Amino acid sequence: MSGETNLTTLIKNMTPALNPGEYVFCHTHNIAGIDVNEMIGLFKEAEAVTIILKKETADKLQLQYDYVAAWITLTVHSSLEAVSLTAAFSKALADEGISCNVVAAFYHDHIFVNVQDADRAIVVLKALAAGA
């Protein structure tokens, strides 16, 4: 199944879920000592490899980070070809002064917000869905 593409359906059914824990974005040039099963995400950039990990995992591995995030999953199965879903929820969050870092995976969109903004972000996303 390739996922939903209709924007109204996506927003109405996005059902944001707050994952437990705190998450961090780290960068490294060598991932050899990091268990792939502990990674939430990985992206290779020209400068380094960015890894998203649980904060306690990064602390255990003595990896540096500047930003502690909460992880929200939009549980609707969104298509990678869907248009404007990211724009819709990022605008709603921005209007409330909440920054977001987005990872689109095969089944779902994942939003990382400052851990202090997690509860407000859930309220904003649920209001967006209710208004669709």
C-alpha atoms as a PDB file:
ATOM      1  CA  MET A   1       0.000   0.000   0.000  1.00  0.00           C
ATOM      2  CA  SER A   2       1.428   3.360  -1.042  1.00  0.00           C
ATOM      3  CA  GLY A   3      -0.348   5.591   1.470  1.00  0.00           C
ATOM      4  CA  GLU A   4      -2.874   8.413   1.416  1.00  0.00           C
ATOM      5  CA  THR A   5      -2.403  11.439  -0.853  1.00  0.00           C
ATOM      6  CA  ASN A   6      -5.571  13.470  -0.231  1.00  0.00           C
ATOM      7  CA  LEU A   7      -4.575  16.418   1.960  1.00  0.00           C
ATOM      8  CA  THR A   8      -7.928  16.789   3.741  1.00  0.00           C
ATOM      9  CA  THR A   9      -8.003  13.073   4.551  1.00  0.00           C
ATOM     10  CA  LEU A  10      -4.396  13.177   5.737  1.00  0.00           C
ATOM     11  CA  ILE A  11      -4.966  16.121   8.056  1.00  0.00           C
ATOM     12  CA  LYS A  12      -8.260  14.815   9.409  1.00  0.00           C
ATOM     13  CA  ASN A  13      -6.742  11.393  10.142  1.00  0.00           C
ATOM     14  CA  MET A  14      -3.163  12.326  11.082  1.00  0.00           C
ATOM     15  CA  THR A  15      -3.698  11.355  14.772  1.00  0.00           C
ATOM     16  CA  PRO A  16      -0.483  12.647  16.351  1.00  0.00           C
ATOM     17  CA  ALA A  17       1.096  10.299  18.899  1.00  0.00           C
ATOM     18  CA  LEU A  18       3.783  11.425  21.330  1.00  0.00           C
ATOM     19  CA  ASN A  19       6.493   8.776  21.646  1.00  0.00           C
ATOM     20  CA  PRO A  20       7.909   8.389  25.163  1.00  0.00           C
ATOM     21  CA  GLY A  21      11.379   9.691  25.906  1.00  0.00           C
ATOM     22  CA  GLU A  22      13.737  12.424  24.801  1.00  0.00           C
ATOM     23  CA  TYR A  23      15.599  12.388  21.486  1.00  0.00           C
ATOM     24  CA  VAL A  24      18.690  14.122  20.146  1.00  0.00           C
ATOM     25  CA  PHE A  25      20.340  14.792  16.801  1.00  0.00           C
ATOM     26  CA  CYS A  26      24.075  13.966  16.809  1.00  0.00           C
ATOM     27  CA  HIS A  27      26.701  14.077  14.114  1.00  0.00           C
ATOM     28  CA  THR A  28      29.671  11.790  13.638  1.00  0.00           C
ATOM     29  CA  HIS A  29      32.091  10.641  10.967  1.00  0.00           C
ATOM     30  CA  ASN A  30      32.163   7.048  12.179  1.00  0.00           C
ATOM     31  CA  ILE A  31      29.074   5.011  13.073  1.00  0.00           C
ATOM     32  CA  ALA A  32      31.019   1.760  13.588  1.00  0.00           C
ATOM     33  CA  GLY A  33      30.542   1.760  17.369  1.00  0.00           C
ATOM     34  CA  ILE A  34      26.840   2.587  17.269  1.00  0.00           C
ATOM     35  CA  ASP A  35      24.254  -0.198  17.209  1.00  0.00           C
ATOM     36  CA  VAL A  36      21.903   0.410  14.284  1.00  0.00           C
ATOM     37  CA  ASN A  37      19.068  -0.978  16.434  1.00  0.00           C
ATOM     38  CA  GLU A  38      19.491   1.983  18.787  1.00  0.00           C
ATOM     39  CA  MET A  39      19.173   4.534  15.979  1.00  0.00           C
ATOM     40  CA  ILE A  40      15.862   6.245  15.341  1.00  0.00           C
ATOM     41  CA  GLY A  41      17.182   7.736  12.121  1.00  0.00           C
ATOM     42  CA  LEU A  42      20.335   8.193  10.118  1.00  0.00           C
ATOM     43  CA  PHE A  43      21.148  10.514   7.248  1.00  0.00           C
ATOM     44  CA  LYS A  44      24.475  10.855   5.479  1.00  0.00           C
ATOM     45  CA  GLU A  45      25.382  14.447   4.666  1.00  0.00           C
ATOM     46  CA  ALA A  46      28.536  15.827   3.043  1.00  0.00           C
ATOM     47  CA  GLU A  47      29.830  17.100   6.397  1.00  0.00           C
ATOM     48  CA  ALA A  48      29.019  14.111   8.611  1.00  0.00           C
ATOM     49  CA  VAL A  49      26.443  11.453   9.411  1.00  0.00           C
ATOM     50  CA  THR A  50      23.446  12.756  11.352  1.00  0.00           C
ATOM     51  CA  ILE A  51      21.976  10.245  13.795  1.00  0.00           C
ATOM     52  CA  ILE A  52      18.756  10.564  15.776  1.00  0.00           C
ATOM     53  CA  LEU A  53      18.998   8.687  19.058  1.00  0.00           C
ATOM     54  CA  LYS A  54      17.361   8.476  22.430  1.00  0.00           C
ATOM     55  CA  LYS A  55      19.063  11.006  24.679  1.00  0.00           C
ATOM     56  CA  GLU A  56      20.228   8.315  27.103  1.00  0.00           C
ATOM     57  CA  THR A  57      21.850   6.388  24.237  1.00  0.00           C
ATOM     58  CA  ALA A  58      23.732   9.479  23.082  1.00  0.00           C
ATOM     59  CA  ASP A  59      24.822  10.141  26.660  1.00  0.00           C
ATOM     60  CA  LYS A  60      26.034   6.539  27.035  1.00  0.00           C
ATOM     61  CA  LEU A  61      28.014   6.854  23.788  1.00  0.00           C
ATOM     62  CA  GLN A  62      29.296  10.301  24.831  1.00  0.00           C
ATOM     63  CA  LEU A  63      27.966  11.928  21.666  1.00  0.00           C
ATOM     64  CA  GLN A  64      27.430  15.668  21.678  1.00  0.00           C
ATOM     65  CA  TYR A  65      24.102  17.346  20.960  1.00  0.00           C
ATOM     66  CA  ASP A  66      22.577  20.787  21.361  1.00  0.00           C
ATOM     67  CA  TYR A  67      18.877  20.099  20.979  1.00  0.00           C
ATOM     68  CA  VAL A  68      16.653  17.815  23.068  1.00  0.00           C
ATOM     69  CA  ALA A  69      13.449  16.901  21.278  1.00  0.00           C
ATOM     70  CA  ALA A  70      10.164  15.141  21.730  1.00  0.00           C
ATOM     71  CA  TRP A  71       9.157  12.775  18.912  1.00  0.00           C
ATOM     72  CA  ILE A  72       5.624  12.946  17.516  1.00  0.00           C
ATOM     73  CA  THR A  73       4.425  10.422  14.951  1.00  0.00           C
ATOM     74  CA  LEU A  74       1.510  11.208  12.654  1.00  0.00           C
ATOM     75  CA  THR A  75      -0.080   7.774  12.601  1.00  0.00           C
ATOM     76  CA  VAL A  76      -1.874   8.181   9.270  1.00  0.00           C
ATOM     77  CA  HIS A  77      -0.139   6.250   6.465  1.00  0.00           C
ATOM     78  CA  SER A  78       0.895   9.158   4.266  1.00  0.00           C
ATOM     79  CA  SER A  79       2.208   8.677   0.764  1.00  0.00           C
ATOM     80  CA  LEU A  80       5.685   9.945   0.004  1.00  0.00           C
ATOM     81  CA  GLU A  81       3.999  11.710  -2.935  1.00  0.00           C
ATOM     82  CA  ALA A  82       1.446  13.548  -0.766  1.00  0.00           C
ATOM     83  CA  VAL A  83       1.470  17.300  -1.369  1.00  0.00           C
ATOM     84  CA  SER A  84       1.318  19.959   1.379  1.00  0.00           C
ATOM     85  CA  LEU A  85       0.964  17.833   4.522  1.00  0.00           C
ATOM     86  CA  THR A  86       4.325  19.021   5.828  1.00  0.00           C
ATOM     87  CA  ALA A  87       3.451  22.602   4.897  1.00  0.00           C
ATOM     88  CA  ALA A  88       0.100  22.387   6.707  1.00  0.00           C
ATOM     89  CA  PHE A  89       1.352  21.052  10.031  1.00  0.00           C
ATOM     90  CA  SER A  90       4.601  23.047  10.031  1.00  0.00           C
ATOM     91  CA  LYS A  91       2.631  26.266   9.449  1.00  0.00           C
ATOM     92  CA  ALA A  92       0.227  25.417  12.264  1.00  0.00           C
ATOM     93  CA  LEU A  93       3.163  24.792  14.591  1.00  0.00           C
ATOM     94  CA  ALA A  94       5.040  27.894  13.389  1.00  0.00           C
ATOM     95  CA  ASP A  95       1.962  30.042  14.025  1.00  0.00           C
ATOM     96  CA  GLU A  96       2.280  28.976  17.682  1.00  0.00           C
ATOM     97  CA  GLY A  97       6.027  29.600  17.797  1.00  0.00           C
ATOM     98  CA  ILE A  98       6.937  25.906  17.756  1.00  0.00           C
ATOM     99  CA  SER A  99       9.851  24.839  15.560  1.00  0.00           C
ATOM    100  CA  CYS A 100       9.787  21.387  14.050  1.00  0.00           C
ATOM    101  CA  ASN A 101      12.213  19.021  12.389  1.00  0.00           C
ATOM    102  CA  VAL A 102      10.467  16.572  10.098  1.00  0.00           C
ATOM    103  CA  VAL A 103      11.426  13.086   8.964  1.00  0.00           C
ATOM    104  CA  ALA A 104       9.233  11.488   6.323  1.00  0.00           C
ATOM    105  CA  ALA A 105       9.502   7.714   6.383  1.00  0.00           C
ATOM    106  CA  PHE A 106       7.675   5.141   4.250  1.00  0.00           C
ATOM    107  CA  TYR A 107       4.549   4.878   6.410  1.00  0.00           C
ATOM    108  CA  HIS A 108       4.443   7.997   8.569  1.00  0.00           C
ATOM    109  CA  ASP A 109       5.685  11.522   9.072  1.00  0.00           C
ATOM    110  CA  HIS A 110       7.674  12.091  12.255  1.00  0.00           C
ATOM    111  CA  ILE A 111       7.983  15.494  13.875  1.00  0.00           C
ATOM    112  CA  PHE A 112      10.676  16.410  16.367  1.00  0.00           C
ATOM    113  CA  VAL A 113       9.899  19.466  18.507  1.00  0.00           C
ATOM    114  CA  ASN A 114      11.685  20.973  21.479  1.00  0.00           C
ATOM    115  CA  VAL A 115      10.878  18.722  24.429  1.00  0.00           C
ATOM    116  CA  GLN A 116       9.391  21.735  26.252  1.00  0.00           C
ATOM    117  CA  ASP A 117       6.907  22.261  23.389  1.00  0.00           C
ATOM    118  CA  ALA A 118       5.668  18.673  23.135  1.00  0.00           C
ATOM    119  CA  ASP A 119       2.301  19.058  24.858  1.00  0.00           C
ATOM    120  CA  ARG A 120       1.515  22.321  23.048  1.00  0.00           C
ATOM    121  CA  ALA A 121       2.481  20.730  19.726  1.00  0.00           C
ATOM    122  CA  ILE A 122       0.072  17.846  20.296  1.00  0.00           C
ATOM    123  CA  VAL A 123      -2.729  20.334  21.056  1.00  0.00           C
ATOM    124  CA  VAL A 124      -1.943  22.319  17.891  1.00  0.00           C
ATOM    125  CA  LEU A 125      -1.851  19.202  15.703  1.00  0.00           C
ATOM    126  CA  LYS A 126      -5.093  17.835  17.134  1.00  0.00           C
ATOM    127  CA  ALA A 127      -6.781  21.209  16.550  1.00  0.00           C
ATOM    128  CA  LEU A 128      -5.552  21.205  12.947  1.00  0.00           C
ATOM    129  CA  ALA A 129      -6.995  17.718  12.457  1.00  0.00           C
ATOM    130  CA  ALA A 130     -10.318  18.675  14.052  1.00  0.00           C
ATOM    131  CA  GLY A 131     -10.639  21.656  11.730  1.00  0.00           C
ATOM    132  CA  ALA A 132     -10.046  19.673   8.541  1.00  0.00           C
END
